[in-house]
Amino acid sequence: NRVIRKLREARPVVAKELWSMVLAGVSQIFSQIRGVQSVVARGKSGFTIDGKPMSAYSGSTKDSLGLACRVMLQKTFMGNTDFILLDEPAAACDETREVDMLAAITRAEYKQVILVTHSERADTFASNVIRL
């Protein structure tokens, strides 16, 4: 019982440290996409960017944060997975932001990226394109 109690006591500390590491990675990827150094945090009401709630931001910023979170969570919890599947990751983005997001996916160094999109800009990053 004493061991179990100590494990339970340690769990919040471990979870806090793990989230700190994940959010540091999310902030880095998100900053690369945005082109502006940003700090992403997680609070009781959800994610914040530089202290502002997510609801204050545009759709493209939310898409960018979503991509950064997906990449970092996959890298953290499924580190041996060498591919990622994304469906319209830049749906709300303008051309510049989309290119920055595609570049971030490239920098994540997956062996295979399966990208479902209507965007023709993504074709420039692809080695194989399948049109349906």
C-alpha atoms as a PDB file:
ATOM      1  CA  ASN A   1       0.000   0.000   0.000  1.00  0.00           C
ATOM      2  CA  ARG A   2       2.851   2.363   0.779  1.00  0.00           C
ATOM      3  CA  VAL A   3       4.324   1.849  -2.704  1.00  0.00           C
ATOM      4  CA  ILE A   4       0.966   2.445  -4.347  1.00  0.00           C
ATOM      5  CA  ARG A   5       0.461   5.590  -2.270  1.00  0.00           C
ATOM      6  CA  LYS A   6       3.890   6.896  -3.325  1.00  0.00           C
ATOM      7  CA  LEU A   7       3.102   6.163  -6.983  1.00  0.00           C
ATOM      8  CA  ARG A   8      -0.184   8.039  -6.698  1.00  0.00           C
ATOM      9  CA  GLU A   9       1.623  10.975  -5.112  1.00  0.00           C
ATOM     10  CA  ALA A  10       4.199  10.967  -7.911  1.00  0.00           C
ATOM     11  CA  ARG A  11       1.632  10.781 -10.702  1.00  0.00           C
ATOM     12  CA  PRO A  12       0.667  14.491 -10.710  1.00  0.00           C
ATOM     13  CA  VAL A  13       4.336  15.462 -10.668  1.00  0.00           C
ATOM     14  CA  VAL A  14       5.127  13.139 -13.593  1.00  0.00           C
ATOM     15  CA  ALA A  15       2.064  14.336 -15.528  1.00  0.00           C
ATOM     16  CA  LYS A  16       3.055  17.970 -14.970  1.00  0.00           C
ATOM     17  CA  GLU A  17       6.616  17.323 -16.174  1.00  0.00           C
ATOM     18  CA  LEU A  18       5.396  15.382 -19.192  1.00  0.00           C
ATOM     19  CA  TRP A  19       2.970  18.159 -20.171  1.00  0.00           C
ATOM     20  CA  SER A  20       5.767  20.706 -19.733  1.00  0.00           C
ATOM     21  CA  MET A  21       7.918  18.784 -22.202  1.00  0.00           C
ATOM     22  CA  VAL A  22       5.052  18.343 -24.666  1.00  0.00           C
ATOM     23  CA  LEU A  23       4.056  22.011 -24.484  1.00  0.00           C
ATOM     24  CA  ALA A  24       7.653  23.126 -25.015  1.00  0.00           C
ATOM     25  CA  GLY A  25       7.711  21.076 -28.230  1.00  0.00           C
ATOM     26  CA  VAL A  26       4.275  22.345 -29.259  1.00  0.00           C
ATOM     27  CA  SER A  27       5.443  25.924 -28.692  1.00  0.00           C
ATOM     28  CA  GLN A  28       8.504  25.339 -30.855  1.00  0.00           C
ATOM     29  CA  ILE A  29       6.589  23.769 -33.761  1.00  0.00           C
ATOM     30  CA  PHE A  30       3.774  26.319 -33.476  1.00  0.00           C
ATOM     31  CA  SER A  31       6.288  29.206 -33.468  1.00  0.00           C
ATOM     32  CA  GLN A  32       7.923  27.836 -36.619  1.00  0.00           C
ATOM     33  CA  ILE A  33       4.566  27.664 -38.377  1.00  0.00           C
ATOM     34  CA  ARG A  34       3.495  31.116 -37.213  1.00  0.00           C
ATOM     35  CA  GLY A  35       6.836  32.790 -37.739  1.00  0.00           C
ATOM     36  CA  VAL A  36       6.490  34.429 -34.315  1.00  0.00           C
ATOM     37  CA  GLN A  37       7.961  33.153 -31.065  1.00  0.00           C
ATOM     38  CA  SER A  38       4.976  31.967 -29.020  1.00  0.00           C
ATOM     39  CA  VAL A  39       4.400  30.167 -25.746  1.00  0.00           C
ATOM     40  CA  VAL A  40       1.601  27.600 -25.693  1.00  0.00           C
ATOM     41  CA  ALA A  41       0.217  26.668 -22.286  1.00  0.00           C
ATOM     42  CA  ARG A  42      -2.612  24.507 -21.045  1.00  0.00           C
ATOM     43  CA  GLY A  43      -4.986  25.797 -18.399  1.00  0.00           C
ATOM     44  CA  LYS A  44      -8.296  24.777 -16.879  1.00  0.00           C
ATOM     45  CA  SER A  45     -10.186  26.419 -19.747  1.00  0.00           C
ATOM     46  CA  GLY A  46      -8.012  24.993 -22.538  1.00  0.00           C
ATOM     47  CA  PHE A  47      -4.951  26.108 -24.435  1.00  0.00           C
ATOM     48  CA  THR A  48      -3.562  29.614 -24.365  1.00  0.00           C
ATOM     49  CA  ILE A  49      -1.072  31.312 -26.660  1.00  0.00           C
ATOM     50  CA  ASP A  50       1.059  33.925 -24.973  1.00  0.00           C
ATOM     51  CA  GLY A  51      -1.531  34.081 -22.198  1.00  0.00           C
ATOM     52  CA  LYS A  52      -4.544  34.626 -24.490  1.00  0.00           C
ATOM     53  CA  PRO A  53      -7.279  31.976 -24.775  1.00  0.00           C
ATOM     54  CA  MET A  54      -7.574  30.036 -28.033  1.00  0.00           C
ATOM     55  CA  SER A  55     -11.011  31.526 -28.652  1.00  0.00           C
ATOM     56  CA  ALA A  56      -9.289  34.873 -29.341  1.00  0.00           C
ATOM     57  CA  TYR A  57      -7.454  33.515 -32.387  1.00  0.00           C
ATOM     58  CA  SER A  58      -8.302  32.901 -36.042  1.00  0.00           C
ATOM     59  CA  GLY A  59      -9.058  29.573 -37.672  1.00  0.00           C
ATOM     60  CA  SER A  60      -5.613  29.370 -39.240  1.00  0.00           C
ATOM     61  CA  THR A  61      -3.966  29.861 -35.851  1.00  0.00           C
ATOM     62  CA  LYS A  62      -6.159  27.116 -34.400  1.00  0.00           C
ATOM     63  CA  ASP A  63      -5.256  24.833 -37.325  1.00  0.00           C
ATOM     64  CA  SER A  64      -1.579  25.582 -36.748  1.00  0.00           C
ATOM     65  CA  LEU A  65      -1.860  24.789 -33.053  1.00  0.00           C
ATOM     66  CA  GLY A  66      -3.770  21.609 -33.843  1.00  0.00           C
ATOM     67  CA  LEU A  67      -1.008  20.431 -36.150  1.00  0.00           C
ATOM     68  CA  ALA A  68       1.702  21.285 -33.624  1.00  0.00           C
ATOM     69  CA  CYS A  69      -0.187  19.351 -30.926  1.00  0.00           C
ATOM     70  CA  ARG A  70      -0.752  16.303 -33.142  1.00  0.00           C
ATOM     71  CA  VAL A  71       2.898  16.132 -34.188  1.00  0.00           C
ATOM     72  CA  MET A  72       4.257  16.601 -30.668  1.00  0.00           C
ATOM     73  CA  LEU A  73       1.811  14.184 -29.009  1.00  0.00           C
ATOM     74  CA  GLN A  74       2.571  11.536 -31.609  1.00  0.00           C
ATOM     75  CA  LYS A  75       6.324  12.059 -31.235  1.00  0.00           C
ATOM     76  CA  THR A  76       5.990  11.838 -27.431  1.00  0.00           C
ATOM     77  CA  PHE A  77       3.595   8.926 -27.008  1.00  0.00           C
ATOM     78  CA  MET A  78       4.137   6.985 -30.236  1.00  0.00           C
ATOM     79  CA  GLY A  79       7.802   7.673 -30.889  1.00  0.00           C
ATOM     80  CA  ASN A  80       8.305   4.534 -32.980  1.00  0.00           C
ATOM     81  CA  THR A  81       5.588   5.525 -35.443  1.00  0.00           C
ATOM     82  CA  ASP A  82       7.260   6.748 -38.609  1.00  0.00           C
ATOM     83  CA  PHE A  83       4.182   8.069 -40.413  1.00  0.00           C
ATOM     84  CA  ILE A  84       1.393  10.542 -39.823  1.00  0.00           C
ATOM     85  CA  LEU A  85      -2.079  10.805 -41.365  1.00  0.00           C
ATOM     86  CA  LEU A  86      -3.533  14.307 -41.646  1.00  0.00           C
ATOM     87  CA  ASP A  87      -6.898  15.392 -43.027  1.00  0.00           C
ATOM     88  CA  GLU A  88      -7.021  18.998 -44.253  1.00  0.00           C
ATOM     89  CA  PRO A  89      -4.537  20.299 -41.672  1.00  0.00           C
ATOM     90  CA  ALA A  90      -4.512  23.756 -43.292  1.00  0.00           C
ATOM     91  CA  ALA A  91      -8.205  24.086 -44.107  1.00  0.00           C
ATOM     92  CA  ALA A  92      -8.535  27.592 -42.617  1.00  0.00           C
ATOM     93  CA  CYS A  93      -5.099  28.842 -43.690  1.00  0.00           C
ATOM     94  CA  ASP A  94      -3.961  31.264 -46.318  1.00  0.00           C
ATOM     95  CA  GLU A  95      -1.244  30.230 -48.784  1.00  0.00           C
ATOM     96  CA  THR A  96       1.677  31.456 -46.670  1.00  0.00           C
ATOM     97  CA  ARG A  97       0.482  29.742 -43.495  1.00  0.00           C
ATOM     98  CA  GLU A  98      -0.236  26.540 -45.403  1.00  0.00           C
ATOM     99  CA  VAL A  99       3.295  26.482 -46.816  1.00  0.00           C
ATOM    100  CA  ASP A 100       4.662  27.057 -43.302  1.00  0.00           C
ATOM    101  CA  MET A 101       2.552  24.162 -42.016  1.00  0.00           C
ATOM    102  CA  LEU A 102       3.735  21.870 -44.805  1.00  0.00           C
ATOM    103  CA  ALA A 103       7.320  22.843 -44.023  1.00  0.00           C
ATOM    104  CA  ALA A 104       6.737  21.987 -40.342  1.00  0.00           C
ATOM    105  CA  ILE A 105       5.431  18.555 -41.362  1.00  0.00           C
ATOM    106  CA  THR A 106       8.579  18.078 -43.453  1.00  0.00           C
ATOM    107  CA  ARG A 107      10.810  19.095 -40.524  1.00  0.00           C
ATOM    108  CA  ALA A 108       9.067  16.522 -38.312  1.00  0.00           C
ATOM    109  CA  GLU A 109      10.960  13.903 -40.352  1.00  0.00           C
ATOM    110  CA  TYR A 110       8.277  11.270 -40.805  1.00  0.00           C
ATOM    111  CA  LYS A 111       9.172   8.550 -43.297  1.00  0.00           C
ATOM    112  CA  GLN A 112       5.668   8.802 -44.691  1.00  0.00           C
ATOM    113  CA  VAL A 113       3.028  11.520 -44.544  1.00  0.00           C
ATOM    114  CA  ILE A 114      -0.456  10.715 -45.751  1.00  0.00           C
ATOM    115  CA  LEU A 115      -2.144  14.029 -46.390  1.00  0.00           C
ATOM    116  CA  VAL A 116      -5.789  14.193 -47.422  1.00  0.00           C
ATOM    117  CA  THR A 117      -6.403  17.629 -48.887  1.00  0.00           C
ATOM    118  CA  HIS A 118      -8.002  19.625 -51.666  1.00  0.00           C
ATOM    119  CA  SER A 119      -5.004  21.939 -51.795  1.00  0.00           C
ATOM    120  CA  GLU A 120      -2.735  21.800 -54.799  1.00  0.00           C
ATOM    121  CA  ARG A 121       0.089  23.487 -52.828  1.00  0.00           C
ATOM    122  CA  ALA A 122       0.594  20.253 -50.932  1.00  0.00           C
ATOM    123  CA  ASP A 123       1.537  18.581 -54.224  1.00  0.00           C
ATOM    124  CA  THR A 124       4.828  20.485 -54.236  1.00  0.00           C
ATOM    125  CA  PHE A 125       5.827  18.709 -51.017  1.00  0.00           C
ATOM    126  CA  ALA A 126       4.717  15.269 -52.179  1.00  0.00           C
ATOM    127  CA  SER A 127       6.731  12.519 -53.788  1.00  0.00           C
ATOM    128  CA  ASN A 128       3.517  10.688 -54.736  1.00  0.00           C
ATOM    129  CA  VAL A 129       0.113  12.199 -55.448  1.00  0.00           C
ATOM    130  CA  ILE A 130      -3.061  10.155 -55.727  1.00  0.00           C
ATOM    131  CA  ARG A 131      -6.084  12.027 -57.052  1.00  0.00           C
ATOM    132  CA  LEU A 132      -9.575  10.739 -56.423  1.00  0.00           C
END
